[in-house]
Amino acid sequence: MRKNIFQDSAESRQKEQKGLSGKATGRASAQEPKTGRVQICVSMSAAEHDRLKAYAEDQGATVSGIVKKWIRENCH
């Protein structure tokens, strides 16, 4: 049976989406080496974001560093 002209493109796109989905959920895809790190997304207001960035800057740190420090100190 012959594939239609869109099938190869659709299959390629499905593979691409599967890889992107793994990255979005923090799960590594089969092609991506495990780094021991995950990426998260946190929604907040623009004002909260500005406050967090200013606080991190005052501390000589990054926003990521501030979050990691908070986790170490508060999540036992």
PDB file of N, CA and C in Angstrom:
ATOM      1  N   MET A   1       0.834  -1.176   0.000  1.00  0.00           N
ATOM      2  CA  MET A   1       0.000   0.000   0.000  1.00  0.00           C
ATOM      3  C   MET A   1       0.883   1.245   0.000  1.00  0.00           C
ATOM      4  N   ARG A   2       0.567   2.177  -0.818  1.00  0.00           N
ATOM      5  CA  ARG A   2       1.346   3.401  -0.967  1.00  0.00           C
ATOM      6  C   ARG A   2       0.885   4.465   0.043  1.00  0.00           C
ATOM      7  N   LYS A   3       1.831   5.167   0.659  1.00  0.00           N
ATOM      8  CA  LYS A   3       1.519   6.243   1.586  1.00  0.00           C
ATOM      9  C   LYS A   3       1.020   7.454   0.819  1.00  0.00           C
ATOM     10  N   ASN A   4       0.124   8.209   1.457  1.00  0.00           N
ATOM     11  CA  ASN A   4      -0.287   9.448   0.805  1.00  0.00           C
ATOM     12  C   ASN A   4       0.799  10.502   1.028  1.00  0.00           C
ATOM     13  N   ILE A   5       0.709  11.606   0.355  1.00  0.00           N
ATOM     14  CA  ILE A   5       1.781  12.605   0.377  1.00  0.00           C
ATOM     15  C   ILE A   5       1.953  13.274   1.737  1.00  0.00           C
ATOM     16  N   PHE A   6       0.971  13.183   2.608  1.00  0.00           N
ATOM     17  CA  PHE A   6       1.056  13.842   3.918  1.00  0.00           C
ATOM     18  C   PHE A   6       1.514  12.917   5.041  1.00  0.00           C
ATOM     19  N   GLN A   7       1.498  11.619   4.807  1.00  0.00           N
ATOM     20  CA  GLN A   7       1.772  10.662   5.875  1.00  0.00           C
ATOM     21  C   GLN A   7       3.192  10.781   6.425  1.00  0.00           C
ATOM     22  N   ASP A   8       4.203  10.901   5.567  1.00  0.00           N
ATOM     23  CA  ASP A   8       5.580  11.042   6.048  1.00  0.00           C
ATOM     24  C   ASP A   8       5.731  12.289   6.906  1.00  0.00           C
ATOM     25  N   SER A   9       5.143  13.381   6.456  1.00  0.00           N
ATOM     26  CA  SER A   9       5.209  14.626   7.200  1.00  0.00           C
ATOM     27  C   SER A   9       4.512  14.492   8.553  1.00  0.00           C
ATOM     28  N   ALA A  10       3.366  13.832   8.570  1.00  0.00           N
ATOM     29  CA  ALA A  10       2.618  13.652   9.815  1.00  0.00           C
ATOM     30  C   ALA A  10       3.403  12.786  10.797  1.00  0.00           C
ATOM     31  N   GLU A  11       4.021  11.727  10.308  1.00  0.00           N
ATOM     32  CA  GLU A  11       4.810  10.850  11.174  1.00  0.00           C
ATOM     33  C   GLU A  11       6.012  11.597  11.747  1.00  0.00           C
ATOM     34  N   SER A  12       6.666  12.394  10.923  1.00  0.00           N
ATOM     35  CA  SER A  12       7.798  13.185  11.382  1.00  0.00           C
ATOM     36  C   SER A  12       7.363  14.176  12.458  1.00  0.00           C
ATOM     37  N   ARG A  13       6.224  14.819  12.244  1.00  0.00           N
ATOM     38  CA  ARG A  13       5.707  15.793  13.209  1.00  0.00           C
ATOM     39  C   ARG A  13       5.338  15.126  14.529  1.00  0.00           C
ATOM     40  N   GLN A  14       4.791  13.917  14.478  1.00  0.00           N
ATOM     41  CA  GLN A  14       4.446  13.188  15.700  1.00  0.00           C
ATOM     42  C   GLN A  14       5.695  12.895  16.521  1.00  0.00           C
ATOM     43  N   LYS A  15       6.772  12.492  15.862  1.00  0.00           N
ATOM     44  CA  LYS A  15       8.027  12.226  16.566  1.00  0.00           C
ATOM     45  C   LYS A  15       8.563  13.500  17.206  1.00  0.00           C
ATOM     46  N   GLU A  16       8.484  14.602  16.460  1.00  0.00           N
ATOM     47  CA  GLU A  16       8.933  15.892  16.984  1.00  0.00           C
ATOM     48  C   GLU A  16       8.109  16.296  18.204  1.00  0.00           C
ATOM     49  N   GLN A  17       6.798  16.148  18.130  1.00  0.00           N
ATOM     50  CA  GLN A  17       5.911  16.506  19.239  1.00  0.00           C
ATOM     51  C   GLN A  17       6.197  15.656  20.471  1.00  0.00           C
ATOM     52  N   LYS A  18       6.469  14.383  20.269  1.00  0.00           N
ATOM     53  CA  LYS A  18       6.764  13.482  21.385  1.00  0.00           C
ATOM     54  C   LYS A  18       8.015  13.956  22.121  1.00  0.00           C
ATOM     55  N   GLY A  19       9.032  14.372  21.380  1.00  0.00           N
ATOM     56  CA  GLY A  19      10.248  14.891  22.000  1.00  0.00           C
ATOM     57  C   GLY A  19       9.994  16.187  22.743  1.00  0.00           C
ATOM     58  N   LEU A  20       9.196  17.067  22.153  1.00  0.00           N
ATOM     59  CA  LEU A  20       8.873  18.334  22.815  1.00  0.00           C
ATOM     60  C   LEU A  20       8.042  18.101  24.054  1.00  0.00           C
ATOM     61  N   SER A  21       7.124  17.166  24.011  1.00  0.00           N
ATOM     62  CA  SER A  21       6.277  16.861  25.152  1.00  0.00           C
ATOM     63  C   SER A  21       7.118  16.375  26.324  1.00  0.00           C
ATOM     64  N   GLY A  22       8.102  15.544  26.055  1.00  0.00           N
ATOM     65  CA  GLY A  22       8.984  15.061  27.118  1.00  0.00           C
ATOM     66  C   GLY A  22       9.755  16.191  27.766  1.00  0.00           C
ATOM     67  N   LYS A  23      10.203  17.147  26.957  1.00  0.00           N
ATOM     68  CA  LYS A  23      10.930  18.288  27.505  1.00  0.00           C
ATOM     69  C   LYS A  23      10.014  19.158  28.345  1.00  0.00           C
ATOM     70  N   ALA A  24       8.783  19.333  27.906  1.00  0.00           N
ATOM     71  CA  ALA A  24       7.842  20.183  28.631  1.00  0.00           C
ATOM     72  C   ALA A  24       7.451  19.575  29.967  1.00  0.00           C
ATOM     73  N   THR A  25       7.433  18.250  30.053  1.00  0.00           N
ATOM     74  CA  THR A  25       7.046  17.596  31.298  1.00  0.00           C
ATOM     75  C   THR A  25       8.243  17.292  32.183  1.00  0.00           C
ATOM     76  N   GLY A  26       9.439  17.592  31.712  1.00  0.00           N
ATOM     77  CA  GLY A  26      10.623  17.318  32.503  1.00  0.00           C
ATOM     78  C   GLY A  26      11.157  15.917  32.323  1.00  0.00           C
ATOM     79  N   ARG A  27      10.520  15.128  31.477  1.00  0.00           N
ATOM     80  CA  ARG A  27      10.995  13.777  31.212  1.00  0.00           C
ATOM     81  C   ARG A  27      11.867  13.806  29.971  1.00  0.00           C
ATOM     82  N   ALA A  28      13.032  13.223  30.074  1.00  0.00           N
ATOM     83  CA  ALA A  28      13.949  13.217  28.934  1.00  0.00           C
ATOM     84  C   ALA A  28      13.432  12.277  27.863  1.00  0.00           C
ATOM     85  N   SER A  29      13.597  12.668  26.621  1.00  0.00           N
ATOM     86  CA  SER A  29      13.229  11.783  25.520  1.00  0.00           C
ATOM     87  C   SER A  29      14.335  10.741  25.355  1.00  0.00           C
ATOM     88  N   ALA A  30      14.068   9.740  24.533  1.00  0.00           N
ATOM     89  CA  ALA A  30      15.055   8.682  24.329  1.00  0.00           C
ATOM     90  C   ALA A  30      16.337   9.227  23.723  1.00  0.00           C
ATOM     91  N   GLN A  31      16.251  10.297  22.924  1.00  0.00           N
ATOM     92  CA  GLN A  31      17.422  10.845  22.267  1.00  0.00           C
ATOM     93  C   GLN A  31      18.205  11.804  23.175  1.00  0.00           C
ATOM     94  N   GLU A  32      17.568  12.315  24.197  1.00  0.00           N
ATOM     95  CA  GLU A  32      18.191  13.326  25.057  1.00  0.00           C
ATOM     96  C   GLU A  32      18.890  12.665  26.244  1.00  0.00           C
ATOM     97  N   PRO A  33      20.175  12.943  26.453  1.00  0.00           N
ATOM     98  CA  PRO A  33      20.850  12.348  27.600  1.00  0.00           C
ATOM     99  C   PRO A  33      20.281  12.909  28.899  1.00  0.00           C
ATOM    100  N   LYS A  34      20.218  12.072  29.908  1.00  0.00           N
ATOM    101  CA  LYS A  34      19.708  12.510  31.200  1.00  0.00           C
ATOM    102  C   LYS A  34      20.754  13.390  31.879  1.00  0.00           C
ATOM    103  N   THR A  35      20.328  14.543  32.342  1.00  0.00           N
ATOM    104  CA  THR A  35      21.256  15.477  32.973  1.00  0.00           C
ATOM    105  C   THR A  35      21.057  15.548  34.478  1.00  0.00           C
ATOM    106  N   GLY A  36      20.003  14.927  34.982  1.00  0.00           N
ATOM    107  CA  GLY A  36      19.712  15.022  36.397  1.00  0.00           C
ATOM    108  C   GLY A  36      18.984  16.313  36.736  1.00  0.00           C
ATOM    109  N   ARG A  37      18.609  17.073  35.751  1.00  0.00           N
ATOM    110  CA  ARG A  37      17.908  18.336  35.966  1.00  0.00           C
ATOM    111  C   ARG A  37      16.587  18.300  35.219  1.00  0.00           C
ATOM    112  N   VAL A  38      15.627  19.042  35.751  1.00  0.00           N
ATOM    113  CA  VAL A  38      14.352  19.233  35.067  1.00  0.00           C
ATOM    114  C   VAL A  38      14.092  20.722  34.977  1.00  0.00           C
ATOM    115  N   GLN A  39      13.291  21.103  34.032  1.00  0.00           N
ATOM    116  CA  GLN A  39      12.929  22.494  33.861  1.00  0.00           C
ATOM    117  C   GLN A  39      11.475  22.632  34.273  1.00  0.00           C
ATOM    118  N   ILE A  40      11.165  23.676  35.058  1.00  0.00           N
ATOM    119  CA  ILE A  40       9.791  23.895  35.485  1.00  0.00           C
ATOM    120  C   ILE A  40       9.294  25.242  34.975  1.00  0.00           C
ATOM    121  N   CYS A  41       8.005  25.405  34.991  1.00  0.00           N
ATOM    122  CA  CYS A  41       7.385  26.661  34.590  1.00  0.00           C
ATOM    123  C   CYS A  41       6.464  27.092  35.724  1.00  0.00           C
ATOM    124  N   VAL A  42       6.621  28.311  36.185  1.00  0.00           N
ATOM    125  CA  VAL A  42       5.797  28.842  37.261  1.00  0.00           C
ATOM    126  C   VAL A  42       5.104  30.094  36.759  1.00  0.00           C
ATOM    127  N   SER A  43       3.794  30.139  36.893  1.00  0.00           N
ATOM    128  CA  SER A  43       3.043  31.318  36.476  1.00  0.00           C
ATOM    129  C   SER A  43       2.909  32.272  37.653  1.00  0.00           C
ATOM    130  N   MET A  44       3.120  33.559  37.380  1.00  0.00           N
ATOM    131  CA  MET A  44       2.970  34.590  38.402  1.00  0.00           C
ATOM    132  C   MET A  44       2.661  35.897  37.706  1.00  0.00           C
ATOM    133  N   SER A  45       2.232  36.859  38.485  1.00  0.00           N
ATOM    134  CA  SER A  45       1.938  38.163  37.903  1.00  0.00           C
ATOM    135  C   SER A  45       3.239  38.856  37.510  1.00  0.00           C
ATOM    136  N   ALA A  46       3.122  39.842  36.658  1.00  0.00           N
ATOM    137  CA  ALA A  46       4.301  40.608  36.254  1.00  0.00           C
ATOM    138  C   ALA A  46       4.920  41.300  37.468  1.00  0.00           C
ATOM    139  N   ALA A  47       4.076  41.786  38.381  1.00  0.00           N
ATOM    140  CA  ALA A  47       4.583  42.452  39.586  1.00  0.00           C
ATOM    141  C   ALA A  47       5.367  41.484  40.466  1.00  0.00           C
ATOM    142  N   GLU A  48       4.859  40.263  40.626  1.00  0.00           N
ATOM    143  CA  GLU A  48       5.573  39.255  41.418  1.00  0.00           C
ATOM    144  C   GLU A  48       6.906  38.912  40.760  1.00  0.00           C
ATOM    145  N   HIS A  49       6.892  38.791  39.454  1.00  0.00           N
ATOM    146  CA  HIS A  49       8.123  38.477  38.722  1.00  0.00           C
ATOM    147  C   HIS A  49       9.157  39.586  38.908  1.00  0.00           C
ATOM    148  N   ASP A  50       8.705  40.817  38.793  1.00  0.00           N
ATOM    149  CA  ASP A  50       9.615  41.955  38.988  1.00  0.00           C
ATOM    150  C   ASP A  50      10.195  41.956  40.398  1.00  0.00           C
ATOM    151  N   ARG A  51       9.358  41.683  41.387  1.00  0.00           N
ATOM    152  CA  ARG A  51       9.840  41.636  42.783  1.00  0.00           C
ATOM    153  C   ARG A  51      10.859  40.523  42.971  1.00  0.00           C
ATOM    154  N   LEU A  52      10.587  39.365  42.405  1.00  0.00           N
ATOM    155  CA  LEU A  52      11.502  38.231  42.532  1.00  0.00           C
ATOM    156  C   LEU A  52      12.835  38.520  41.856  1.00  0.00           C
ATOM    157  N   LYS A  53      12.793  39.094  40.668  1.00  0.00           N
ATOM    158  CA  LYS A  53      14.037  39.442  39.966  1.00  0.00           C
ATOM    159  C   LYS A  53      14.836  40.484  40.743  1.00  0.00           C
ATOM    160  N   ALA A  54      14.148  41.503  41.285  1.00  0.00           N
ATOM    161  CA  ALA A  54      14.831  42.535  42.059  1.00  0.00           C
ATOM    162  C   ALA A  54      15.456  41.941  43.323  1.00  0.00           C
ATOM    163  N   TYR A  55      14.728  41.053  43.987  1.00  0.00           N
ATOM    164  CA  TYR A  55      15.253  40.403  45.184  1.00  0.00           C
ATOM    165  C   TYR A  55      16.500  39.590  44.849  1.00  0.00           C
ATOM    166  N   ALA A  56      16.422  38.816  43.775  1.00  0.00           N
ATOM    167  CA  ALA A  56      17.569  38.000  43.369  1.00  0.00           C
ATOM    168  C   ALA A  56      18.768  38.892  43.062  1.00  0.00           C
ATOM    169  N   GLU A  57      18.532  39.977  42.369  1.00  0.00           N
ATOM    170  CA  GLU A  57      19.616  40.906  42.034  1.00  0.00           C
ATOM    171  C   GLU A  57      20.231  41.495  43.300  1.00  0.00           C
ATOM    172  N   ASP A  58      19.394  41.884  44.264  1.00  0.00           N
ATOM    173  CA  ASP A  58      19.891  42.421  45.535  1.00  0.00           C
ATOM    174  C   ASP A  58      20.743  41.406  46.288  1.00  0.00           C
ATOM    175  N   GLN A  59      20.412  40.128  46.119  1.00  0.00           N
ATOM    176  CA  GLN A  59      21.145  39.057  46.798  1.00  0.00           C
ATOM    177  C   GLN A  59      22.376  38.605  46.004  1.00  0.00           C
ATOM    178  N   GLY A  60      22.562  39.173  44.830  1.00  0.00           N
ATOM    179  CA  GLY A  60      23.676  38.758  43.979  1.00  0.00           C
ATOM    180  C   GLY A  60      23.483  37.358  43.433  1.00  0.00           C
ATOM    181  N   ALA A  61      22.234  37.010  43.177  1.00  0.00           N
ATOM    182  CA  ALA A  61      21.904  35.658  42.729  1.00  0.00           C
ATOM    183  C   ALA A  61      20.990  35.737  41.507  1.00  0.00           C
ATOM    184  N   THR A  62      20.646  34.574  40.997  1.00  0.00           N
ATOM    185  CA  THR A  62      19.671  34.470  39.928  1.00  0.00           C
ATOM    186  C   THR A  62      18.336  34.054  40.533  1.00  0.00           C
ATOM    187  N   VAL A  63      17.278  34.202  39.760  1.00  0.00           N
ATOM    188  CA  VAL A  63      15.969  33.747  40.225  1.00  0.00           C
ATOM    189  C   VAL A  63      16.031  32.242  40.497  1.00  0.00           C
ATOM    190  N   SER A  64      16.658  31.509  39.612  1.00  0.00           N
ATOM    191  CA  SER A  64      16.804  30.065  39.799  1.00  0.00           C
ATOM    192  C   SER A  64      17.537  29.758  41.103  1.00  0.00           C
ATOM    193  N   GLY A  65      18.599  30.489  41.374  1.00  0.00           N
ATOM    194  CA  GLY A  65      19.355  30.289  42.612  1.00  0.00           C
ATOM    195  C   GLY A  65      18.520  30.569  43.846  1.00  0.00           C
ATOM    196  N   ILE A  66      17.691  31.614  43.787  1.00  0.00           N
ATOM    197  CA  ILE A  66      16.820  31.947  44.916  1.00  0.00           C
ATOM    198  C   ILE A  66      15.813  30.826  45.156  1.00  0.00           C
ATOM    199  N   VAL A  67      15.231  30.292  44.081  1.00  0.00           N
ATOM    200  CA  VAL A  67      14.260  29.202  44.225  1.00  0.00           C
ATOM    201  C   VAL A  67      14.931  27.965  44.799  1.00  0.00           C
ATOM    202  N   LYS A  68      16.108  27.626  44.309  1.00  0.00           N
ATOM    203  CA  LYS A  68      16.831  26.454  44.822  1.00  0.00           C
ATOM    204  C   LYS A  68      17.167  26.627  46.299  1.00  0.00           C
ATOM    205  N   LYS A  69      17.598  27.823  46.683  1.00  0.00           N
ATOM    206  CA  LYS A  69      17.916  28.103  48.089  1.00  0.00           C
ATOM    207  C   LYS A  69      16.658  27.942  48.947  1.00  0.00           C
ATOM    208  N   TRP A  70      15.525  28.485  48.487  1.00  0.00           N
ATOM    209  CA  TRP A  70      14.274  28.373  49.229  1.00  0.00           C
ATOM    210  C   TRP A  70      13.902  26.904  49.427  1.00  0.00           C
ATOM    211  N   ILE A  71      14.064  26.090  48.387  1.00  0.00           N
ATOM    212  CA  ILE A  71      13.739  24.667  48.486  1.00  0.00           C
ATOM    213  C   ILE A  71      14.632  23.993  49.526  1.00  0.00           C
ATOM    214  N   ARG A  72      15.941  24.256  49.446  1.00  0.00           N
ATOM    215  CA  ARG A  72      16.875  23.655  50.413  1.00  0.00           C
ATOM    216  C   ARG A  72      16.498  24.023  51.843  1.00  0.00           C
ATOM    217  N   GLU A  73      16.108  25.267  52.066  1.00  0.00           N
ATOM    218  CA  GLU A  73      15.831  25.746  53.417  1.00  0.00           C
ATOM    219  C   GLU A  73      14.430  25.390  53.929  1.00  0.00           C
ATOM    220  N   ASN A  74      13.483  25.165  53.043  1.00  0.00           N
ATOM    221  CA  ASN A  74      12.102  25.015  53.481  1.00  0.00           C
ATOM    222  C   ASN A  74      11.438  23.679  53.184  1.00  0.00           C
ATOM    223  N   CYS A  75      12.019  22.882  52.344  1.00  0.00           N
ATOM    224  CA  CYS A  75      11.400  21.610  51.984  1.00  0.00           C
ATOM    225  C   CYS A  75      12.216  20.460  52.566  1.00  0.00           C
ATOM    226  N   HIS A  76      11.814  19.996  53.698  1.00  0.00           N
ATOM    227  CA  HIS A  76      12.581  18.941  54.408  1.00  0.00           C
ATOM    228  C   HIS A  76      11.991  17.584  54.166  1.00  0.00           C
TER     229      HIS A  76
END
